[in-house]
N, C-alpha and C. Protein backbone atom coordinates (compact mmCIF):
# COMPACT_ATOMS: atom_id res chain seq x y z
N UNK A 1 21.88 -30.31 21.15
CA UNK A 1 22.51 -28.84 20.17
C UNK A 1 23.63 -29.24 19.42
N UNK A 2 23.65 -28.47 18.45
CA UNK A 2 24.88 -28.76 17.69
C UNK A 2 25.78 -27.49 17.64
N UNK A 3 27.16 -27.39 17.44
CA UNK A 3 28.07 -26.45 16.97
C UNK A 3 28.76 -26.59 15.86
N UNK A 4 28.53 -25.88 14.89
CA UNK A 4 29.24 -26.03 13.56
C UNK A 4 29.70 -24.73 12.90
N UNK A 5 30.44 -24.24 12.14
CA UNK A 5 30.92 -23.41 11.29
C UNK A 5 29.85 -23.00 10.68
N UNK A 6 29.61 -21.44 10.67
CA UNK A 6 28.68 -20.96 9.64
C UNK A 6 28.72 -20.94 8.34
N UNK A 7 27.71 -20.94 7.65
CA UNK A 7 27.71 -20.86 6.05
C UNK A 7 27.14 -19.71 5.61
N UNK A 8 27.35 -19.27 4.35
CA UNK A 8 27.04 -18.12 3.69
C UNK A 8 25.56 -18.15 4.02
N UNK A 9 24.94 -18.81 3.53
CA UNK A 9 23.34 -18.79 3.57
C UNK A 9 22.83 -18.85 5.03
N UNK A 10 23.26 -18.80 5.81
CA UNK A 10 22.98 -18.73 7.38
C UNK A 10 22.96 -16.86 7.84
N UNK A 11 23.60 -16.10 6.87
CA UNK A 11 23.89 -14.86 7.32
C UNK A 11 22.65 -13.98 7.72
N UNK A 12 21.51 -14.17 7.37
CA UNK A 12 20.36 -13.24 7.78
C UNK A 12 19.71 -13.64 9.03
N UNK A 13 20.02 -15.11 9.00
CA UNK A 13 19.63 -15.27 10.92
C UNK A 13 20.53 -15.01 11.78
N UNK A 14 22.20 -15.24 11.53
CA UNK A 14 22.83 -14.80 12.13
C UNK A 14 23.26 -13.40 12.54
N UNK A 15 22.79 -12.43 11.66
CA UNK A 15 22.69 -10.94 11.73
C UNK A 15 21.92 -10.76 12.54
N UNK A 16 20.39 -11.27 12.49
CA UNK A 16 19.38 -10.94 13.54
C UNK A 16 19.72 -11.50 14.99
N UNK A 17 20.83 -12.39 15.34
CA UNK A 17 20.97 -12.47 16.68
C UNK A 17 22.62 -11.75 16.73
N UNK A 18 23.63 -11.63 16.09
CA UNK A 18 25.02 -10.73 15.91
C UNK A 18 24.13 -9.10 16.66
N UNK A 19 23.51 -8.93 16.17
CA UNK A 19 22.94 -7.10 16.33
C UNK A 19 22.54 -7.15 17.96
N UNK A 20 22.13 -8.37 18.38
CA UNK A 20 22.09 -8.04 19.68
C UNK A 20 23.11 -8.07 20.78
N UNK A 21 24.14 -8.57 20.47
CA UNK A 21 25.32 -7.90 21.20
C UNK A 21 25.87 -6.72 20.77
N UNK A 22 25.62 -6.22 19.94
CA UNK A 22 26.29 -5.25 19.37
C UNK A 22 25.45 -3.91 18.31
N UNK A 23 24.12 -3.71 19.18
CA UNK A 23 23.28 -2.95 18.35
C UNK A 23 24.05 -1.34 18.50
N UNK A 24 24.51 -0.75 19.56
CA UNK A 24 25.00 0.69 19.83
C UNK A 24 26.18 0.57 18.75
N UNK A 25 27.32 -0.31 18.83
CA UNK A 25 28.19 -0.09 17.78
C UNK A 25 27.66 -0.03 16.29
N UNK A 26 26.69 -0.78 16.16
CA UNK A 26 26.23 -0.92 14.30
C UNK A 26 25.50 0.44 14.14
N UNK A 27 24.95 0.86 15.11
CA UNK A 27 24.44 2.03 14.85
C UNK A 27 25.19 3.13 14.71
N UNK A 28 26.52 3.21 15.31
CA UNK A 28 27.36 3.92 14.83
C UNK A 28 28.05 3.90 13.68
N UNK A 29 28.06 2.85 13.33
CA UNK A 29 28.60 2.24 12.02
C UNK A 29 27.64 2.83 11.10
N UNK A 30 26.50 2.64 10.95
CA UNK A 30 25.78 3.36 9.86
C UNK A 30 25.05 4.42 10.25
N UNK A 31 25.44 5.19 11.12
CA UNK A 31 24.92 6.52 11.24
C UNK A 31 23.55 6.75 11.70
N UNK A 32 22.66 5.98 12.18
CA UNK A 32 21.39 6.18 12.64
C UNK A 32 20.90 4.91 13.56
N UNK A 33 19.82 5.15 14.38
CA UNK A 33 19.34 4.20 14.94
C UNK A 33 18.19 3.35 14.29
N UNK A 34 18.57 2.10 13.68
CA UNK A 34 17.72 1.69 12.49
C UNK A 34 17.82 0.12 12.75
N UNK A 35 17.19 -0.57 13.35
CA UNK A 35 17.44 -1.97 13.73
C UNK A 35 17.47 -2.75 12.49
N UNK A 36 16.63 -2.74 11.57
CA UNK A 36 16.59 -3.42 10.37
C UNK A 36 17.61 -2.95 9.21
N UNK A 37 18.25 -1.69 9.23
CA UNK A 37 19.09 -1.57 8.64
C UNK A 37 20.60 -1.91 9.22
N UNK A 38 20.51 -1.91 10.59
CA UNK A 38 21.78 -2.43 11.14
C UNK A 38 21.87 -4.36 10.71
N UNK A 39 20.59 -4.77 10.77
CA UNK A 39 20.39 -6.62 10.65
C UNK A 39 21.16 -6.32 9.03
N UNK A 40 20.68 -5.70 8.24
CA UNK A 40 21.01 -5.73 6.69
C UNK A 40 22.54 -5.22 6.34
N UNK A 41 23.12 -4.56 7.56
CA UNK A 41 24.23 -4.45 7.05
C UNK A 41 25.36 -5.31 7.83
N UNK A 42 25.14 -6.13 8.96
CA UNK A 42 25.64 -7.27 9.31
C UNK A 42 25.09 -8.14 8.30
N UNK A 43 24.41 -8.49 7.98
CA UNK A 43 24.17 -9.75 6.68
C UNK A 43 24.96 -9.36 5.62
N UNK A 44 24.83 -8.46 5.10
CA UNK A 44 26.09 -8.43 4.34
C UNK A 44 27.19 -8.70 4.09
N UNK A 45 28.02 -8.10 5.53
CA UNK A 45 29.21 -8.47 5.95
C UNK A 45 29.48 -9.96 6.21
N UNK A 46 28.37 -10.40 6.86
CA UNK A 46 28.44 -12.01 7.30
C UNK A 46 28.78 -12.80 5.70
N UNK A 47 27.51 -12.43 4.92
CA UNK A 47 27.76 -13.07 3.81
C UNK A 47 28.98 -13.32 2.77
N UNK A 48 29.95 -12.15 2.80
CA UNK A 48 31.36 -12.01 2.25
C UNK A 48 32.26 -12.49 3.14
N UNK A 49 33.51 -12.87 2.29
CA UNK A 49 34.64 -13.31 2.73
C UNK A 49 35.71 -12.35 3.24
N UNK A 50 36.76 -12.37 3.91
CA UNK A 50 37.62 -11.49 4.04
C UNK A 50 37.46 -10.33 5.23
N UNK A 51 36.40 -10.60 5.97
CA UNK A 51 36.12 -9.48 7.13
C UNK A 51 36.14 -9.65 8.39
N UNK A 52 35.80 -9.18 9.08
CA UNK A 52 35.92 -9.46 10.68
C UNK A 52 34.49 -9.87 11.24
N UNK A 53 33.65 -10.05 10.27
CA UNK A 53 32.08 -10.38 10.57
C UNK A 53 31.85 -11.37 9.52
N UNK A 54 32.76 -12.34 8.57
CA UNK A 54 32.61 -12.89 7.66
C UNK A 54 32.15 -14.21 8.62
N UNK A 55 31.13 -15.20 7.37
CA UNK A 55 30.91 -16.42 7.90
C UNK A 55 32.08 -17.35 8.51
N UNK A 56 33.09 -16.86 7.57
CA UNK A 56 34.51 -18.02 7.85
C UNK A 56 34.73 -17.83 9.32
N UNK A 57 34.72 -16.52 10.36
CA UNK A 57 34.82 -16.60 11.37
C UNK A 57 33.96 -17.04 12.71
N UNK A 58 32.55 -17.37 12.12
CA UNK A 58 31.37 -17.41 13.16
C UNK A 58 31.65 -19.08 13.20
N UNK A 59 30.94 -19.44 14.33
CA UNK A 59 30.60 -20.70 14.94
C UNK A 59 28.85 -20.28 15.32
N UNK A 60 28.10 -21.44 14.95
CA UNK A 60 26.95 -21.23 15.47
C UNK A 60 26.48 -22.44 16.34
N UNK A 61 25.33 -22.31 17.04
CA UNK A 61 24.91 -23.37 17.71
C UNK A 61 23.35 -23.46 17.41
N UNK A 62 22.72 -24.44 17.00
CA UNK A 62 21.54 -24.62 16.59
C UNK A 62 21.20 -25.94 16.90
N UNK A 63 19.85 -26.21 16.66
CA UNK A 63 19.07 -27.11 17.23
C UNK A 63 17.96 -27.42 16.26
N UNK A 64 16.93 -28.42 16.51
CA UNK A 64 16.11 -28.47 15.41
C UNK A 64 15.20 -27.33 15.00
N UNK A 65 15.27 -26.17 16.18
CA UNK A 65 14.41 -24.78 15.51
C UNK A 65 15.18 -23.77 14.83
N UNK A 66 16.38 -23.92 14.90
CA UNK A 66 17.35 -23.31 13.99
C UNK A 66 18.72 -22.59 14.85
N UNK A 67 19.24 -21.45 14.36
CA UNK A 67 20.21 -21.10 15.28
C UNK A 67 19.93 -20.33 16.26
N UNK A 68 20.59 -20.50 17.23
CA UNK A 68 20.08 -19.83 18.83
C UNK A 68 21.42 -19.19 18.98
N UNK A 69 22.60 -19.34 18.66
CA UNK A 69 23.66 -18.37 19.25
C UNK A 69 24.87 -18.09 18.23
N UNK A 70 25.78 -17.24 18.15
CA UNK A 70 26.53 -17.39 17.51
C UNK A 70 27.98 -16.68 18.11
N UNK A 71 29.12 -17.27 17.50
CA UNK A 71 30.26 -16.51 18.39
C UNK A 71 31.35 -16.26 17.28
N UNK A 72 31.46 -15.14 16.97
CA UNK A 72 32.65 -14.72 15.76
C UNK A 72 33.76 -14.55 16.63
N UNK A 73 35.10 -15.24 15.93
CA UNK A 73 36.38 -14.91 16.34
C UNK A 73 37.38 -14.97 15.33
N UNK A 74 38.33 -14.06 15.40
CA UNK A 74 39.51 -14.17 14.44
C UNK A 74 41.09 -13.99 15.25
N UNK A 75 42.01 -14.29 14.13
CA UNK A 75 43.33 -14.01 14.57
C UNK A 75 43.53 -12.45 14.94
N UNK A 76 43.93 -11.87 16.20
CA UNK A 76 44.00 -10.18 16.45
C UNK A 76 45.25 -9.88 15.60
N UNK A 77 46.26 -10.66 15.08
CA UNK A 77 47.18 -10.13 14.07
C UNK A 77 46.63 -9.60 12.77
N UNK A 78 45.52 -10.23 12.44
CA UNK A 78 44.76 -9.99 11.08
C UNK A 78 43.59 -8.91 11.35
N UNK A 79 43.44 -8.18 12.48
CA UNK A 79 42.39 -7.36 12.75
C UNK A 79 42.51 -6.03 11.62
N UNK A 80 43.37 -5.42 11.63
CA UNK A 80 43.43 -4.29 10.58
C UNK A 80 43.15 -4.86 9.00
N UNK A 81 43.62 -6.05 8.84
CA UNK A 81 42.97 -6.53 7.54
C UNK A 81 41.61 -7.16 7.18
N UNK A 82 41.27 -7.57 8.47
CA UNK A 82 40.09 -7.77 8.28
C UNK A 82 38.81 -6.42 8.48
N UNK A 83 39.44 -5.70 9.28
CA UNK A 83 38.61 -4.36 9.36
C UNK A 83 38.42 -3.72 8.36
N UNK A 84 39.28 -3.50 7.72
CA UNK A 84 39.28 -2.23 6.49
C UNK A 84 37.71 -2.41 5.53
N UNK A 85 37.79 -3.93 5.21
CA UNK A 85 36.82 -4.00 4.31
C UNK A 85 35.49 -3.69 4.91
N UNK A 86 35.42 -3.50 6.27
CA UNK A 86 34.32 -3.57 6.92
C UNK A 86 33.98 -1.50 7.06
N UNK A 87 35.11 -0.81 7.04
CA UNK A 87 35.46 0.65 6.95
C UNK A 87 35.08 1.13 5.62
N UNK A 88 35.40 0.37 4.87
CA UNK A 88 35.39 0.53 3.41
C UNK A 88 33.90 0.40 2.93
N UNK A 89 33.14 -0.33 3.74
CA UNK A 89 31.58 -0.52 3.51
C UNK A 89 30.95 0.37 3.86
N UNK A 90 31.34 0.66 5.07
CA UNK A 90 30.61 1.92 6.15
C UNK A 90 30.73 3.27 5.37
N UNK A 91 31.93 3.67 4.45
CA UNK A 91 32.02 4.71 3.64
C UNK A 91 31.37 4.97 2.44
N UNK A 92 31.40 3.39 1.87
CA UNK A 92 30.56 3.55 0.44
C UNK A 92 29.00 3.61 0.54
N UNK A 93 28.22 2.71 1.85
CA UNK A 93 27.10 2.80 1.58
C UNK A 93 26.31 3.73 2.65
N UNK A 94 27.34 4.27 3.49
CA UNK A 94 26.82 5.31 4.56
C UNK A 94 27.44 6.58 4.58
N UNK A 95 28.32 6.61 3.86
CA UNK A 95 29.22 7.88 3.80
C UNK A 95 29.95 8.55 5.13
N UNK A 96 30.15 7.54 5.78
CA UNK A 96 31.02 7.58 7.10
C UNK A 96 32.04 7.18 7.21
N UNK A 97 33.05 8.27 7.44
CA UNK A 97 34.72 7.75 7.57
C UNK A 97 34.72 7.21 8.82
N UNK A 98 34.64 5.93 9.24
CA UNK A 98 34.84 5.51 10.53
C UNK A 98 36.21 5.24 11.03
N UNK A 99 36.62 5.62 12.45
CA UNK A 99 37.84 5.11 12.43
C UNK A 99 37.42 4.70 14.08
N UNK A 100 38.20 3.19 14.56
CA UNK A 100 37.85 2.88 15.68
C UNK A 100 39.47 2.52 16.06
N UNK A 101 39.87 2.36 17.74
CA UNK A 101 40.80 1.75 18.07
C UNK A 101 40.91 0.24 17.65
N UNK A 102 41.90 -0.15 17.96
CA UNK A 102 42.48 -1.70 17.94
C UNK A 102 41.57 -2.37 19.00
N UNK A 103 41.01 -3.23 19.05
CA UNK A 103 40.51 -3.96 20.35
C UNK A 103 41.10 -5.33 20.75
N UNK A 104 42.06 -5.59 19.66
CA UNK A 104 42.97 -7.12 19.96
C UNK A 104 44.19 -6.77 19.46
N UNK A 105 45.26 -7.82 19.39
CA UNK A 105 46.37 -7.46 19.03
C UNK A 105 47.01 -9.12 18.58
N UNK A 106 48.16 -8.86 18.20
CA UNK A 106 48.59 -10.12 17.76
C UNK A 106 48.75 -11.03 18.93
N UNK A 107 48.92 -12.16 18.98
CA UNK A 107 49.24 -13.13 20.14
C UNK A 107 47.88 -13.64 20.64
N UNK A 108 46.83 -13.31 19.78
CA UNK A 108 45.70 -13.97 20.50
C UNK A 108 44.40 -14.31 19.68
N UNK A 109 43.15 -15.06 19.57
CA UNK A 109 42.19 -15.36 19.10
C UNK A 109 41.22 -14.43 19.50
N UNK A 110 40.85 -13.44 18.89
CA UNK A 110 39.92 -12.28 19.40
C UNK A 110 38.75 -12.92 19.34
N UNK A 111 37.61 -13.02 20.34
CA UNK A 111 36.33 -13.24 20.42
C UNK A 111 35.41 -11.88 20.27
N UNK A 112 35.31 -11.59 19.24
CA UNK A 112 34.72 -10.12 18.89
C UNK A 112 33.21 -10.23 19.17
N UNK A 113 32.27 -11.10 18.82
CA UNK A 113 31.10 -11.04 19.35
C UNK A 113 30.50 -12.44 19.65
N UNK A 114 29.74 -12.44 20.87
CA UNK A 114 29.21 -13.63 21.16
C UNK A 114 27.35 -13.17 21.67
N UNK A 115 26.34 -13.80 20.78
CA UNK A 115 25.24 -13.38 20.96
C UNK A 115 24.46 -14.73 21.16
N UNK A 116 23.15 -14.65 21.86
CA UNK A 116 22.03 -15.67 21.88
C UNK A 116 20.83 -14.89 21.50
N UNK A 117 20.05 -15.85 20.35
CA UNK A 117 18.90 -15.42 20.42
C UNK A 117 18.13 -15.16 21.42
N UNK A 118 16.92 -14.24 21.44
CA UNK A 118 15.93 -13.60 22.48
C UNK A 118 15.42 -14.90 23.15
N UNK A 119 14.93 -15.75 22.44
CA UNK A 119 14.28 -16.95 22.65
C UNK A 119 15.18 -18.17 23.59
N UNK A 120 16.45 -18.02 23.18
CA UNK A 120 17.22 -19.16 24.07
C UNK A 120 18.20 -18.18 24.87
N UNK A 121 18.04 -16.99 25.27
CA UNK A 121 18.97 -16.47 26.68
C UNK A 121 18.44 -17.32 27.89
N UNK A 122 19.61 -17.35 28.54
CA UNK A 122 19.70 -18.03 29.69
C UNK A 122 19.53 -19.36 29.87
N UNK A 123 19.77 -19.91 28.73
CA UNK A 123 19.73 -21.63 28.57
C UNK A 123 21.15 -22.21 28.43
N UNK A 124 21.84 -21.37 28.72
CA UNK A 124 23.61 -21.82 28.59
C UNK A 124 24.09 -21.95 27.19
N UNK A 125 23.33 -21.07 26.39
CA UNK A 125 23.94 -21.38 24.74
C UNK A 125 25.29 -20.48 24.80
N UNK A 126 25.41 -19.38 25.31
CA UNK A 126 26.39 -18.39 25.11
C UNK A 126 27.91 -19.34 26.06
N UNK A 127 27.33 -19.87 27.14
CA UNK A 127 28.50 -20.89 27.79
C UNK A 127 28.86 -21.71 27.02
N UNK A 128 27.84 -22.72 26.37
CA UNK A 128 28.20 -23.72 25.45
C UNK A 128 29.24 -23.48 24.38
N UNK A 129 28.60 -22.02 23.63
CA UNK A 129 29.74 -21.77 22.46
C UNK A 129 31.31 -21.17 22.83
N UNK A 130 31.13 -20.70 24.03
CA UNK A 130 32.35 -20.43 24.79
C UNK A 130 33.43 -21.44 25.18
N UNK A 131 32.87 -22.47 25.97
CA UNK A 131 33.58 -23.74 26.11
C UNK A 131 34.09 -24.43 24.67
N UNK A 132 33.15 -24.12 23.71
CA UNK A 132 33.68 -24.83 22.55
C UNK A 132 34.99 -24.40 21.81
N UNK A 133 34.69 -23.05 21.71
CA UNK A 133 36.21 -22.23 21.42
C UNK A 133 37.29 -22.26 22.17
N UNK A 134 37.11 -22.46 23.47
CA UNK A 134 38.15 -22.82 24.41
C UNK A 134 38.82 -23.90 24.22
N UNK A 135 37.81 -25.15 23.92
CA UNK A 135 38.33 -26.45 23.91
C UNK A 135 39.32 -26.58 22.59
N UNK A 136 38.59 -25.83 21.39
CA UNK A 136 38.92 -26.01 19.84
C UNK A 136 40.53 -25.12 19.90
N UNK A 137 40.19 -23.88 20.18
CA UNK A 137 41.47 -23.10 19.84
C UNK A 137 42.64 -22.96 21.25
N UNK A 138 42.26 -23.21 22.54
CA UNK A 138 43.23 -23.23 23.72
C UNK A 138 43.76 -24.40 23.87
N UNK A 139 42.78 -25.58 24.19
CA UNK A 139 43.41 -27.00 24.51
C UNK A 139 43.61 -27.93 22.99
N UNK A 140 43.38 -27.43 21.84
CA UNK A 140 43.58 -28.32 20.93
C UNK A 140 44.64 -27.75 20.12
N UNK A 141 44.68 -26.28 19.98
CA UNK A 141 45.50 -25.50 19.40
C UNK A 141 46.44 -24.66 20.09
N UNK A 142 46.28 -24.57 21.40
CA UNK A 142 47.41 -23.97 22.34
C UNK A 142 47.36 -22.42 21.82
N UNK A 143 46.28 -21.76 21.60
CA UNK A 143 45.94 -20.43 21.19
C UNK A 143 45.55 -19.68 22.58
N UNK A 144 46.02 -18.64 22.75
CA UNK A 144 45.29 -17.63 23.67
C UNK A 144 43.97 -16.86 23.08
N UNK A 145 42.73 -17.04 23.72
CA UNK A 145 41.73 -16.50 23.28
C UNK A 145 41.68 -15.01 24.32
N UNK A 146 41.27 -13.86 23.60
CA UNK A 146 40.93 -12.56 23.99
C UNK A 146 39.55 -12.06 23.88
N UNK A 147 39.28 -11.31 24.50
CA UNK A 147 37.78 -10.72 24.48
C UNK A 147 37.73 -9.30 25.28
N UNK A 148 36.98 -8.29 24.86
CA UNK A 148 36.49 -7.46 25.91
C UNK A 148 35.36 -7.43 26.53
N UNK A 149 35.35 -7.04 27.84
CA UNK A 149 33.94 -6.87 28.38
C UNK A 149 33.78 -5.68 29.18
N UNK A 150 32.42 -5.32 28.73
CA UNK A 150 32.06 -3.89 29.21
C UNK A 150 31.87 -3.72 30.73
N UNK A 151 32.65 -2.92 30.84
CA UNK A 151 32.63 -2.48 32.98
C UNK A 151 30.80 -2.32 33.32
N UNK A 152 30.01 -2.03 32.40
CA UNK A 152 28.66 -2.28 32.66
C UNK A 152 28.27 -3.26 32.61
N UNK A 153 28.72 -4.47 32.43
CA UNK A 153 28.12 -5.68 32.26
C UNK A 153 28.90 -6.93 32.92
N UNK A 154 28.54 -6.22 34.61
CA UNK A 154 29.35 -7.41 35.86
C UNK A 154 29.14 -8.87 35.15
N UNK A 155 27.85 -9.14 34.92
CA UNK A 155 27.40 -10.46 34.61
C UNK A 155 28.09 -11.38 33.89
N UNK A 156 28.54 -10.67 32.78
CA UNK A 156 29.35 -11.34 31.58
C UNK A 156 30.87 -11.54 32.20
N UNK A 157 31.39 -10.49 32.83
CA UNK A 157 32.52 -10.32 33.50
C UNK A 157 32.70 -11.64 34.04
N UNK A 158 31.38 -11.92 35.35
CA UNK A 158 31.73 -13.12 36.26
C UNK A 158 31.53 -14.14 35.48
N UNK A 159 30.79 -14.53 34.24
CA UNK A 159 30.87 -15.65 33.83
C UNK A 159 32.29 -15.88 32.85
N UNK A 160 32.94 -14.83 32.51
CA UNK A 160 34.09 -15.16 31.78
C UNK A 160 35.34 -15.68 32.71
N UNK A 161 35.13 -14.74 34.21
CA UNK A 161 36.00 -15.18 35.09
C UNK A 161 35.66 -16.42 35.75
N UNK A 162 34.64 -17.13 35.82
CA UNK A 162 34.44 -18.68 36.10
C UNK A 162 34.96 -19.58 35.07
N UNK A 163 34.85 -18.97 33.75
CA UNK A 163 35.31 -20.07 32.99
C UNK A 163 36.92 -20.11 32.47
N UNK A 164 37.37 -19.12 33.34
CA UNK A 164 39.02 -18.87 33.54
C UNK A 164 39.62 -18.00 32.54
N UNK A 165 38.90 -16.82 32.06
CA UNK A 165 39.52 -15.57 31.89
C UNK A 165 40.07 -14.79 32.80
N UNK A 166 41.19 -14.08 32.43
CA UNK A 166 41.74 -13.31 33.76
C UNK A 166 41.91 -12.07 33.07
N UNK A 167 41.63 -11.01 33.50
CA UNK A 167 41.63 -9.26 33.23
C UNK A 167 43.14 -8.97 32.85
N UNK A 168 43.38 -8.67 32.07
CA UNK A 168 44.80 -8.16 31.41
C UNK A 168 45.07 -6.66 31.54
N UNK A 169 44.10 -5.99 31.21
CA UNK A 169 44.29 -4.09 31.24
C UNK A 169 42.72 -3.50 30.97
N UNK A 170 43.05 -2.37 31.20
CA UNK A 170 41.72 -1.71 31.16
C UNK A 170 41.85 -1.04 29.56
N UNK A 171 40.65 -1.15 28.81
CA UNK A 171 40.96 -0.10 27.74
C UNK A 171 39.83 0.91 27.32
N UNK A 172 39.63 1.56 26.45
CA UNK A 172 38.79 2.33 26.04
C UNK A 172 38.10 2.49 24.78
N UNK A 173 37.29 1.94 24.39
CA UNK A 173 36.85 1.75 23.18
C UNK A 173 35.33 2.00 22.75
N UNK A 174 35.29 2.51 21.55
CA UNK A 174 33.47 3.01 21.43
C UNK A 174 33.22 3.61 22.76
N UNK A 175 34.00 4.43 23.13
CA UNK A 175 33.40 5.66 24.32
C UNK A 175 33.31 4.72 25.28
N UNK A 176 33.64 3.38 25.50
CA UNK A 176 33.13 2.73 26.71
C UNK A 176 34.46 2.09 27.26
N UNK A 177 34.29 2.35 28.22
CA UNK A 177 35.45 1.81 29.72
C UNK A 177 35.42 -0.03 29.47
N UNK A 178 36.28 -0.53 29.14
CA UNK A 178 36.29 -1.89 28.94
C UNK A 178 37.42 -2.66 29.30
N UNK A 179 37.41 -4.06 29.78
CA UNK A 179 38.53 -4.82 30.25
C UNK A 179 39.08 -5.60 29.37
N UNK A 180 39.89 -5.97 28.89
CA UNK A 180 40.61 -6.89 27.77
C UNK A 180 40.76 -8.04 28.96
N UNK A 181 40.24 -9.17 28.73
CA UNK A 181 40.69 -10.42 29.50
C UNK A 181 41.20 -11.56 28.31
N UNK A 182 41.80 -12.21 28.91
CA UNK A 182 42.42 -13.70 28.02
C UNK A 182 42.16 -14.86 28.93
N UNK A 183 41.92 -15.77 27.84
CA UNK A 183 42.03 -17.11 28.75
C UNK A 183 43.36 -18.05 27.76
N UNK A 184 44.27 -18.28 28.82
CA UNK A 184 45.48 -19.01 27.86
C UNK A 184 45.78 -20.31 29.08
N UNK A 185 46.30 -21.48 28.63
CA UNK A 185 46.88 -22.31 29.41
C UNK A 185 48.20 -21.91 29.97
């Protein structure tokens, strides 16, 4: 299995995986429960540059069968700049003036989404991607990684803790109780 930076032409394949990690959020963004429209929404943003879901900020894990997982991360200090094109797109395409609390902050590289294709779940792809970004961003660049984990997903929290992430604080975002976790040297 290889991990590489995403390319613009990967957008549709990545969108089909990314939506698995954020279905409810995408439905809020587009104002309806429409899985295909949600994938279309994400694919368009992934193809573009300068937004929080851009291919510029995504790494993919792939093998001979194609892309099996994706991880999207960006500097927390750039959240508002990277989010604005997403909010503008939501307003233009769906007529929704969406507002959301900040999920990250300056001083960390924020893991926005981690998702694995349904065919590859439970096979270590997510862990491989997380270990890759820990090595690249923490060990090689001395950055701090941050993420949010839903209180309703204790399995994910256990995985992050095993990998070395520590809970820093509780937050409420997207109407859910979450924990902000970080990994640093």
